[in-house]
Every structure is written in structure tokens, then in C-alpha cells.
Amino acid sequence: MDGRTQPQRLDAAQLGAELGERATLVQFSSAFCQPCRATRRTLDEVAGMVDGVAHVEIDAESHLDLVRWLGITGTPTVLVLDAGGEVVRRASGQPRTVDVVAALGHAI
């Protein structure tokens, strides 16, 4: 073994929504998270600008098994998935549009 962890891959069943054709922005949020609202707007904007990119928002409190498996420790947390559902980037906190677009570059 080379010491690297197995890549994390998500599918439509786990997300409760279809993956984007080219990439998927997955946002873990919670009900009283103020930065989650701004993150939602940013990710919706980017998904609207880039063909084949979907934005999926997941309520962390309702999906604790998935949160634990992925090691999500706070909201908002954003995962960038490639077309096959593999996590290629992740970030915590409210992202800037330019950073989301740059992260998509690693998935597309």
C-alpha cells in the first residue's frame, strides 16, 4: 500500500439528486447557518454559469451517516465532484465565486 486513502465517491442515491453531467457542487448545510445562505447563492450562480454542473444542497443534520463517512465537521462544507462522483476538492466556510470556479477546473 502506498499510504493514500481510497478516493471518496458519491452517487445519486447518496445525494438524493442526480450528479451533474460534468461536475457536481455538493453543499452541506444546517438550518441556522447564516453563511450557508450565501454559499447557496454562490454555488447556484456558478452552476448556472457552467454547463453540465449541478448544485446539490444536503441538510447535514438529516444525513448524519453521510456526514460522518465524509468527515464533515462544520457547515457550510462544499465538495466538488467530478462527472463520476469522485470528490476532487473540498472546503469549509463560505467560498468566493472565483475559488469555486477554480475548484471546478480540477473536476472538469
C-alpha atoms as a PDB file:
ATOM      1  CA  MET A   1       0.000   0.000   0.000  1.00  0.00           C
ATOM      2  CA  ASP A   2       1.174   3.499  -0.723  1.00  0.00           C
ATOM      3  CA  GLY A   3      -0.467   5.067   2.337  1.00  0.00           C
ATOM      4  CA  ARG A   4      -3.029   7.042   0.356  1.00  0.00           C
ATOM      5  CA  THR A   5      -6.653   6.760   1.300  1.00  0.00           C
ATOM      6  CA  GLN A   6      -9.248   5.392  -1.057  1.00  0.00           C
ATOM      7  CA  PRO A   7     -10.921   8.174  -3.066  1.00  0.00           C
ATOM      8  CA  GLN A   8     -14.368   9.102  -1.840  1.00  0.00           C
ATOM      9  CA  ARG A   9     -17.107   8.677  -4.429  1.00  0.00           C
ATOM     10  CA  LEU A  10     -20.759   9.692  -4.124  1.00  0.00           C
ATOM     11  CA  ASP A  11     -23.699   8.635  -6.246  1.00  0.00           C
ATOM     12  CA  ALA A  12     -27.215   9.930  -6.886  1.00  0.00           C
ATOM     13  CA  ALA A  13     -28.716   7.639  -4.230  1.00  0.00           C
ATOM     14  CA  GLN A  14     -26.439   9.050  -1.525  1.00  0.00           C
ATOM     15  CA  LEU A  15     -27.024  12.646  -2.639  1.00  0.00           C
ATOM     16  CA  GLY A  16     -30.748  12.333  -3.216  1.00  0.00           C
ATOM     17  CA  ALA A  17     -30.241  14.053  -6.591  1.00  0.00           C
ATOM     18  CA  GLU A  18     -28.643  13.338  -9.941  1.00  0.00           C
ATOM     19  CA  LEU A  19     -24.983  14.137 -10.497  1.00  0.00           C
ATOM     20  CA  GLY A  20     -24.125  16.910 -12.912  1.00  0.00           C
ATOM     21  CA  GLU A  21     -23.079  15.838 -16.387  1.00  0.00           C
ATOM     22  CA  ARG A  22     -19.597  17.368 -15.928  1.00  0.00           C
ATOM     23  CA  ALA A  23     -19.345  18.094 -12.181  1.00  0.00           C
ATOM     24  CA  THR A  24     -21.404  18.470  -9.013  1.00  0.00           C
ATOM     25  CA  LEU A  25     -21.123  21.037  -6.235  1.00  0.00           C
ATOM     26  CA  VAL A  26     -22.318  19.410  -3.003  1.00  0.00           C
ATOM     27  CA  GLN A  27     -23.101  21.757  -0.132  1.00  0.00           C
ATOM     28  CA  PHE A  28     -23.615  20.507   3.416  1.00  0.00           C
ATOM     29  CA  SER A  29     -25.745  22.999   5.351  1.00  0.00           C
ATOM     30  CA  SER A  30     -27.636  23.299   8.606  1.00  0.00           C
ATOM     31  CA  ALA A  31     -30.830  25.152   9.456  1.00  0.00           C
ATOM     32  CA  PHE A  32     -29.369  28.076  11.406  1.00  0.00           C
ATOM     33  CA  CYS A  33     -26.162  28.518   9.410  1.00  0.00           C
ATOM     34  CA  GLN A  34     -26.025  32.102   8.130  1.00  0.00           C
ATOM     35  CA  PRO A  35     -23.013  31.543   5.801  1.00  0.00           C
ATOM     36  CA  CYS A  36     -24.906  28.604   4.252  1.00  0.00           C
ATOM     37  CA  ARG A  37     -27.378  31.002   2.640  1.00  0.00           C
ATOM     38  CA  ALA A  38     -24.631  32.997   0.942  1.00  0.00           C
ATOM     39  CA  THR A  39     -22.900  29.768  -0.064  1.00  0.00           C
ATOM     40  CA  ARG A  40     -26.147  28.544  -1.665  1.00  0.00           C
ATOM     41  CA  ARG A  41     -26.358  31.732  -3.753  1.00  0.00           C
ATOM     42  CA  THR A  42     -22.715  31.457  -4.834  1.00  0.00           C
ATOM     43  CA  LEU A  43     -22.973  27.789  -5.833  1.00  0.00           C
ATOM     44  CA  ASP A  44     -26.283  28.341  -7.648  1.00  0.00           C
ATOM     45  CA  GLU A  45     -24.665  31.200  -9.569  1.00  0.00           C
ATOM     46  CA  VAL A  46     -21.640  29.122 -10.579  1.00  0.00           C
ATOM     47  CA  ALA A  47     -23.781  26.100 -11.532  1.00  0.00           C
ATOM     48  CA  GLY A  48     -25.849  28.436 -13.709  1.00  0.00           C
ATOM     49  CA  MET A  49     -22.734  29.784 -15.440  1.00  0.00           C
ATOM     50  CA  VAL A  50     -21.053  26.465 -16.251  1.00  0.00           C
ATOM     51  CA  ASP A  51     -22.851  23.937 -18.463  1.00  0.00           C
ATOM     52  CA  GLY A  52     -23.177  20.446 -17.022  1.00  0.00           C
ATOM     53  CA  VAL A  53     -22.604  21.490 -13.398  1.00  0.00           C
ATOM     54  CA  ALA A  54     -25.216  20.709 -10.742  1.00  0.00           C
ATOM     55  CA  HIS A  55     -25.576  22.132  -7.225  1.00  0.00           C
ATOM     56  CA  VAL A  56     -26.929  19.801  -4.551  1.00  0.00           C
ATOM     57  CA  GLU A  57     -27.587  21.049  -1.029  1.00  0.00           C
ATOM     58  CA  ILE A  58     -27.739  18.492   1.776  1.00  0.00           C
ATOM     59  CA  ASP A  59     -29.072  19.114   5.279  1.00  0.00           C
ATOM     60  CA  ALA A  60     -26.238  17.813   7.451  1.00  0.00           C
ATOM     61  CA  GLU A  61     -28.486  17.072  10.429  1.00  0.00           C
ATOM     62  CA  SER A  62     -30.713  14.802   8.316  1.00  0.00           C
ATOM     63  CA  HIS A  63     -27.805  12.872   6.799  1.00  0.00           C
ATOM     64  CA  LEU A  64     -25.535  12.123   9.766  1.00  0.00           C
ATOM     65  CA  ASP A  65     -24.229   8.809   8.352  1.00  0.00           C
ATOM     66  CA  LEU A  66     -23.017  10.595   5.204  1.00  0.00           C
ATOM     67  CA  VAL A  67     -21.588  13.483   7.269  1.00  0.00           C
ATOM     68  CA  ARG A  68     -19.624  11.052   9.437  1.00  0.00           C
ATOM     69  CA  TRP A  69     -18.397   8.999   6.477  1.00  0.00           C
ATOM     70  CA  LEU A  70     -17.122  12.123   4.722  1.00  0.00           C
ATOM     71  CA  GLY A  71     -15.660  13.657   7.884  1.00  0.00           C
ATOM     72  CA  ILE A  72     -17.764  16.839   7.653  1.00  0.00           C
ATOM     73  CA  THR A  73     -17.144  18.850  10.837  1.00  0.00           C
ATOM     74  CA  GLY A  74     -18.919  22.127  10.112  1.00  0.00           C
ATOM     75  CA  THR A  75     -21.293  23.921   7.789  1.00  0.00           C
ATOM     76  CA  PRO A  76     -21.098  25.076   5.155  1.00  0.00           C
ATOM     77  CA  THR A  77     -18.797  22.449   3.692  1.00  0.00           C
ATOM     78  CA  VAL A  78     -18.572  22.197  -0.093  1.00  0.00           C
ATOM     79  CA  LEU A  79     -17.419  19.152  -2.030  1.00  0.00           C
ATOM     80  CA  VAL A  80     -16.580  19.317  -5.729  1.00  0.00           C
ATOM     81  CA  LEU A  81     -17.289  16.038  -7.505  1.00  0.00           C
ATOM     82  CA  ASP A  82     -16.151  15.061 -10.971  1.00  0.00           C
ATOM     83  CA  ALA A  83     -18.544  13.522 -13.514  1.00  0.00           C
ATOM     84  CA  GLY A  84     -18.127  10.089 -11.884  1.00  0.00           C
ATOM     85  CA  GLY A  85     -18.919  11.382  -8.392  1.00  0.00           C
ATOM     86  CA  GLU A  86     -15.365  11.334  -7.026  1.00  0.00           C
ATOM     87  CA  VAL A  87     -14.553  14.077  -4.515  1.00  0.00           C
ATOM     88  CA  VAL A  88     -11.767  16.133  -6.117  1.00  0.00           C
ATOM     89  CA  ARG A  89     -11.884  19.213  -3.843  1.00  0.00           C
ATOM     90  CA  ARG A  90     -13.431  20.165  -0.518  1.00  0.00           C
ATOM     91  CA  ALA A  91     -13.585  23.346   1.523  1.00  0.00           C
ATOM     92  CA  SER A  92     -15.216  24.582   4.696  1.00  0.00           C
ATOM     93  CA  GLY A  93     -16.696  28.018   5.155  1.00  0.00           C
ATOM     94  CA  GLN A  94     -18.258  30.445   2.731  1.00  0.00           C
ATOM     95  CA  PRO A  95     -16.488  30.214  -0.651  1.00  0.00           C
ATOM     96  CA  ARG A  96     -15.765  33.011  -3.094  1.00  0.00           C
ATOM     97  CA  THR A  97     -17.067  32.601  -6.634  1.00  0.00           C
ATOM     98  CA  VAL A  98     -13.550  32.696  -8.096  1.00  0.00           C
ATOM     99  CA  ASP A  99     -12.454  29.857  -5.780  1.00  0.00           C
ATOM    100  CA  VAL A 100     -15.443  27.698  -6.751  1.00  0.00           C
ATOM    101  CA  VAL A 101     -14.720  28.226 -10.450  1.00  0.00           C
ATOM    102  CA  ALA A 102     -11.055  27.339  -9.886  1.00  0.00           C
ATOM    103  CA  ALA A 103     -12.028  24.179  -7.972  1.00  0.00           C
ATOM    104  CA  LEU A 104     -14.324  23.170 -10.839  1.00  0.00           C
ATOM    105  CA  GLY A 105     -11.278  23.296 -13.100  1.00  0.00           C
ATOM    106  CA  HIS A 106      -9.957  20.234 -11.252  1.00  0.00           C
ATOM    107  CA  ALA A 107     -13.209  18.323 -11.815  1.00  0.00           C
ATOM    108  CA  ILE A 108     -13.951  19.112 -15.444  1.00  0.00           C
END
